[in-house]
Amino acid sequence: SASGLSVRDDQIVDEHGNPLKLVGANWFGFNNNAGMFDGLWSSDNGFTYDFPTVMYRWQLLGMNAIRVPFSFQDLYTKYATDKLSRFCSLPSLAEIAASV
């Protein structure tokens, strides 16, 4: 396959046949009337508000998967955009690495 992942017996394996180890977290928010990942709206701190920064920090911590529970009702609900979009100061790559 294009990604190099396949299934062998009951395991997902990489292109070399090594079992894939998923390390991740559960991040709610699209299943509880929040309309976005929980916590992103809680501050203007780039470590916790900027989605790409949060994902990069998780990657530095060794995570390679995320479980996102959702409800169709929440996906179809129109939310006020003032809560969903706001500016934040972005940390440098060195600051991000030092934070984990």
N, C-alpha and C. Protein backbone atom coordinates (compact mmCIF):
# COMPACT_ATOMS: atom_id res chain seq x y z
N SER A 1 0.83 -1.20 0.00
CA SER A 1 0.00 0.00 0.00
C SER A 1 0.87 1.25 0.00
N ALA A 2 0.27 2.38 -0.30
CA ALA A 2 1.02 3.63 -0.42
C ALA A 2 1.63 4.05 0.91
N SER A 3 0.97 3.77 2.01
CA SER A 3 1.48 4.20 3.31
C SER A 3 2.49 3.21 3.88
N GLY A 4 2.56 2.03 3.32
CA GLY A 4 3.47 1.03 3.83
C GLY A 4 2.87 0.21 4.96
N LEU A 5 1.61 0.45 5.30
CA LEU A 5 0.95 -0.30 6.36
C LEU A 5 0.07 -1.38 5.75
N SER A 6 0.03 -2.52 6.41
CA SER A 6 -0.85 -3.60 5.98
C SER A 6 -1.27 -4.41 7.20
N VAL A 7 -2.12 -5.38 6.98
CA VAL A 7 -2.61 -6.23 8.08
C VAL A 7 -2.05 -7.63 7.88
N ARG A 8 -1.49 -8.18 8.94
CA ARG A 8 -1.01 -9.56 8.95
C ARG A 8 -1.62 -10.24 10.16
N ASP A 9 -2.40 -11.26 9.92
CA ASP A 9 -3.15 -11.94 10.99
C ASP A 9 -3.99 -10.90 11.73
N ASP A 10 -3.69 -10.68 13.00
CA ASP A 10 -4.50 -9.73 13.79
C ASP A 10 -3.73 -8.46 14.11
N GLN A 11 -2.69 -8.14 13.33
CA GLN A 11 -1.87 -6.97 13.62
C GLN A 11 -1.74 -6.06 12.40
N ILE A 12 -1.59 -4.77 12.67
CA ILE A 12 -1.21 -3.81 11.64
C ILE A 12 0.31 -3.78 11.63
N VAL A 13 0.91 -3.94 10.45
CA VAL A 13 2.37 -3.98 10.35
C VAL A 13 2.86 -2.92 9.37
N ASP A 14 4.13 -2.49 9.56
CA ASP A 14 4.72 -1.51 8.65
C ASP A 14 5.27 -2.21 7.42
N GLU A 15 5.95 -1.45 6.56
CA GLU A 15 6.46 -2.00 5.31
C GLU A 15 7.52 -3.07 5.51
N HIS A 16 8.09 -3.15 6.72
CA HIS A 16 9.11 -4.16 7.03
C HIS A 16 8.54 -5.34 7.79
N GLY A 17 7.23 -5.34 8.02
CA GLY A 17 6.59 -6.43 8.75
C GLY A 17 6.59 -6.27 10.26
N ASN A 18 7.07 -5.12 10.74
CA ASN A 18 7.09 -4.87 12.19
C ASN A 18 5.71 -4.43 12.66
N PRO A 19 5.24 -4.97 13.79
CA PRO A 19 3.93 -4.55 14.31
C PRO A 19 3.92 -3.05 14.61
N LEU A 20 2.83 -2.40 14.25
CA LEU A 20 2.66 -0.98 14.51
C LEU A 20 2.19 -0.81 15.94
N LYS A 21 2.87 0.03 16.68
CA LYS A 21 2.48 0.32 18.05
C LYS A 21 1.82 1.69 18.06
N LEU A 22 0.54 1.71 18.41
CA LEU A 22 -0.18 2.97 18.50
C LEU A 22 -0.09 3.51 19.92
N VAL A 23 0.37 4.74 20.04
CA VAL A 23 0.47 5.43 21.32
C VAL A 23 -0.29 6.74 21.16
N GLY A 24 -1.33 6.91 21.93
CA GLY A 24 -2.12 8.11 21.70
C GLY A 24 -2.94 8.54 22.88
N ALA A 25 -3.90 9.38 22.58
CA ALA A 25 -4.76 9.95 23.60
C ALA A 25 -6.17 10.10 23.05
N ASN A 26 -7.08 10.30 23.94
CA ASN A 26 -8.47 10.56 23.62
C ASN A 26 -8.70 12.06 23.81
N TRP A 27 -9.28 12.73 22.81
CA TRP A 27 -9.51 14.17 22.94
C TRP A 27 -10.95 14.46 22.56
N PHE A 28 -11.76 14.75 23.55
CA PHE A 28 -13.17 14.99 23.30
C PHE A 28 -13.43 16.44 22.95
N GLY A 29 -14.66 16.73 22.61
CA GLY A 29 -15.08 18.09 22.30
C GLY A 29 -16.07 18.15 21.16
N PHE A 30 -16.04 17.14 20.30
CA PHE A 30 -17.01 17.08 19.21
C PHE A 30 -18.17 16.15 19.56
N ASN A 31 -18.29 15.85 20.85
CA ASN A 31 -19.36 14.97 21.30
C ASN A 31 -20.08 15.50 22.54
N ASN A 32 -19.85 16.75 22.89
CA ASN A 32 -20.43 17.28 24.13
C ASN A 32 -20.93 18.72 23.98
N ASN A 33 -21.33 19.08 22.79
CA ASN A 33 -21.84 20.42 22.50
C ASN A 33 -20.78 21.51 22.59
N ALA A 34 -19.51 21.16 22.53
CA ALA A 34 -18.44 22.16 22.56
C ALA A 34 -18.13 22.68 21.16
N GLY A 35 -18.25 21.83 20.15
CA GLY A 35 -18.02 22.25 18.78
C GLY A 35 -16.56 22.34 18.38
N MET A 36 -15.67 21.94 19.25
CA MET A 36 -14.24 21.94 18.94
C MET A 36 -13.53 21.09 19.98
N PHE A 37 -12.26 20.82 19.77
CA PHE A 37 -11.49 20.07 20.76
C PHE A 37 -11.50 20.81 22.09
N ASP A 38 -11.77 20.09 23.15
CA ASP A 38 -11.85 20.71 24.46
C ASP A 38 -10.50 21.28 24.88
N GLY A 39 -10.52 22.47 25.44
CA GLY A 39 -9.31 23.10 25.96
C GLY A 39 -8.65 24.08 25.03
N LEU A 40 -8.87 23.96 23.71
CA LEU A 40 -8.23 24.89 22.79
C LEU A 40 -8.70 26.32 23.01
N TRP A 41 -9.91 26.47 23.48
CA TRP A 41 -10.50 27.79 23.69
C TRP A 41 -10.14 28.39 25.04
N SER A 42 -9.42 27.65 25.88
CA SER A 42 -9.27 28.05 27.28
C SER A 42 -8.23 29.14 27.54
N SER A 43 -7.36 29.43 26.60
CA SER A 43 -6.37 30.47 26.84
C SER A 43 -5.84 30.99 25.51
N ASP A 44 -5.04 32.06 25.58
CA ASP A 44 -4.39 32.56 24.37
C ASP A 44 -2.94 32.11 24.31
N ASN A 45 -2.60 31.11 25.12
CA ASN A 45 -1.26 30.55 25.16
C ASN A 45 -1.08 29.62 23.96
N GLY A 46 -0.05 29.84 23.16
CA GLY A 46 0.20 29.03 21.98
C GLY A 46 0.48 27.58 22.28
N PHE A 47 0.92 27.26 23.50
CA PHE A 47 1.17 25.87 23.86
C PHE A 47 -0.13 25.07 23.95
N THR A 48 -1.21 25.73 24.32
CA THR A 48 -2.47 25.01 24.52
C THR A 48 -3.57 25.43 23.56
N TYR A 49 -3.43 26.55 22.87
CA TYR A 49 -4.49 27.04 22.00
C TYR A 49 -4.26 26.71 20.54
N ASP A 50 -3.03 26.68 20.10
CA ASP A 50 -2.71 26.45 18.69
C ASP A 50 -2.69 24.94 18.41
N PHE A 51 -3.63 24.47 17.59
CA PHE A 51 -3.77 23.04 17.34
C PHE A 51 -2.49 22.40 16.80
N PRO A 52 -1.82 22.96 15.78
CA PRO A 52 -0.58 22.34 15.30
C PRO A 52 0.49 22.24 16.39
N THR A 53 0.57 23.23 17.28
CA THR A 53 1.55 23.18 18.37
C THR A 53 1.21 22.05 19.32
N VAL A 54 -0.06 21.90 19.65
CA VAL A 54 -0.48 20.81 20.53
C VAL A 54 -0.12 19.47 19.91
N MET A 55 -0.39 19.29 18.61
CA MET A 55 -0.08 18.03 17.94
C MET A 55 1.43 17.78 17.89
N TYR A 56 2.22 18.81 17.65
CA TYR A 56 3.67 18.66 17.64
C TYR A 56 4.19 18.25 19.02
N ARG A 57 3.65 18.85 20.07
CA ARG A 57 4.06 18.47 21.43
C ARG A 57 3.72 17.01 21.70
N TRP A 58 2.55 16.58 21.27
CA TRP A 58 2.17 15.17 21.46
C TRP A 58 3.13 14.26 20.70
N GLN A 59 3.53 14.68 19.51
CA GLN A 59 4.49 13.89 18.73
C GLN A 59 5.82 13.80 19.47
N LEU A 60 6.28 14.90 20.06
CA LEU A 60 7.52 14.88 20.83
C LEU A 60 7.42 13.96 22.04
N LEU A 61 6.21 13.78 22.55
CA LEU A 61 5.99 12.88 23.68
C LEU A 61 5.85 11.42 23.24
N GLY A 62 5.96 11.17 21.94
CA GLY A 62 5.92 9.81 21.42
C GLY A 62 4.55 9.34 20.95
N MET A 63 3.59 10.24 20.90
CA MET A 63 2.25 9.84 20.46
C MET A 63 2.16 9.86 18.94
N ASN A 64 1.45 8.87 18.40
CA ASN A 64 1.26 8.79 16.96
C ASN A 64 -0.20 8.55 16.57
N ALA A 65 -1.10 8.68 17.54
CA ALA A 65 -2.52 8.44 17.27
C ALA A 65 -3.38 9.34 18.16
N ILE A 66 -4.57 9.64 17.68
CA ILE A 66 -5.53 10.41 18.48
C ILE A 66 -6.91 9.83 18.21
N ARG A 67 -7.66 9.63 19.28
CA ARG A 67 -9.04 9.16 19.17
C ARG A 67 -9.94 10.36 19.40
N VAL A 68 -10.83 10.61 18.45
CA VAL A 68 -11.72 11.76 18.52
C VAL A 68 -13.17 11.27 18.53
N PRO A 69 -13.77 11.16 19.72
CA PRO A 69 -15.19 10.80 19.75
C PRO A 69 -16.02 11.97 19.25
N PHE A 70 -17.08 11.67 18.51
CA PHE A 70 -17.91 12.75 17.98
C PHE A 70 -19.36 12.28 17.89
N SER A 71 -20.24 13.24 17.80
CA SER A 71 -21.64 12.95 17.52
C SER A 71 -22.01 13.73 16.27
N PHE A 72 -22.84 13.14 15.43
CA PHE A 72 -23.27 13.84 14.22
C PHE A 72 -24.03 15.11 14.57
N GLN A 73 -24.77 15.08 15.67
CA GLN A 73 -25.50 16.28 16.08
C GLN A 73 -24.53 17.44 16.30
N ASP A 74 -23.42 17.19 16.96
CA ASP A 74 -22.43 18.25 17.19
C ASP A 74 -21.78 18.70 15.89
N LEU A 75 -21.53 17.77 14.97
CA LEU A 75 -20.91 18.15 13.70
C LEU A 75 -21.84 19.02 12.86
N TYR A 76 -23.14 18.83 12.99
CA TYR A 76 -24.10 19.60 12.20
C TYR A 76 -24.56 20.88 12.88
N THR A 77 -24.22 21.07 14.15
CA THR A 77 -24.63 22.26 14.88
C THR A 77 -23.75 23.44 14.49
N LYS A 78 -24.36 24.60 14.32
CA LYS A 78 -23.60 25.81 14.02
C LYS A 78 -23.28 26.51 15.33
N TYR A 79 -22.00 26.72 15.58
CA TYR A 79 -21.54 27.35 16.81
C TYR A 79 -21.08 28.77 16.54
N ALA A 80 -21.11 29.60 17.56
CA ALA A 80 -20.61 30.97 17.44
C ALA A 80 -19.12 30.92 17.14
N THR A 81 -18.67 31.65 16.14
CA THR A 81 -17.26 31.57 15.73
C THR A 81 -16.32 32.33 16.65
N ASP A 82 -16.84 33.21 17.51
CA ASP A 82 -15.94 33.95 18.40
C ASP A 82 -15.23 33.02 19.36
N LYS A 83 -15.81 31.88 19.68
CA LYS A 83 -15.18 30.91 20.57
C LYS A 83 -14.21 30.00 19.81
N LEU A 84 -14.41 29.89 18.51
CA LEU A 84 -13.65 28.93 17.72
C LEU A 84 -12.40 29.49 17.08
N SER A 85 -12.26 30.79 17.01
CA SER A 85 -11.12 31.38 16.33
C SER A 85 -10.63 32.60 17.08
N ARG A 86 -9.33 32.59 17.37
CA ARG A 86 -8.75 33.72 18.11
C ARG A 86 -7.24 33.66 17.91
N PHE A 87 -6.59 34.80 18.02
CA PHE A 87 -5.14 34.86 17.85
C PHE A 87 -4.44 34.42 19.13
N CYS A 88 -3.27 33.83 18.97
CA CYS A 88 -2.43 33.49 20.12
C CYS A 88 -0.98 33.69 19.70
N SER A 89 -0.12 33.89 20.68
CA SER A 89 1.31 34.02 20.38
C SER A 89 1.90 32.62 20.28
N LEU A 90 2.60 32.36 19.18
CA LEU A 90 3.14 31.02 18.96
C LEU A 90 4.53 30.88 19.57
N PRO A 91 4.77 29.78 20.28
CA PRO A 91 6.10 29.53 20.83
C PRO A 91 7.06 29.07 19.72
N SER A 92 8.35 29.22 19.98
CA SER A 92 9.35 28.74 19.03
C SER A 92 9.47 27.22 19.15
N LEU A 93 10.11 26.59 18.18
CA LEU A 93 10.32 25.14 18.24
C LEU A 93 11.13 24.76 19.47
N ALA A 94 12.11 25.57 19.83
CA ALA A 94 12.92 25.29 21.03
C ALA A 94 12.06 25.38 22.29
N GLU A 95 11.17 26.36 22.35
CA GLU A 95 10.28 26.49 23.51
C GLU A 95 9.32 25.31 23.60
N ILE A 96 8.84 24.86 22.45
CA ILE A 96 7.95 23.70 22.44
C ILE A 96 8.70 22.47 22.94
N ALA A 97 9.89 22.23 22.40
CA ALA A 97 10.67 21.06 22.81
C ALA A 97 11.00 21.10 24.30
N ALA A 98 11.29 22.28 24.83
CA ALA A 98 11.61 22.41 26.25
C ALA A 98 10.39 22.19 27.13
N SER A 99 9.19 22.33 26.56
CA SER A 99 7.98 22.22 27.36
C SER A 99 7.52 20.79 27.59
N VAL A 100 8.12 19.85 26.89
CA VAL A 100 7.67 18.46 27.05
C VAL A 100 8.61 17.68 27.89
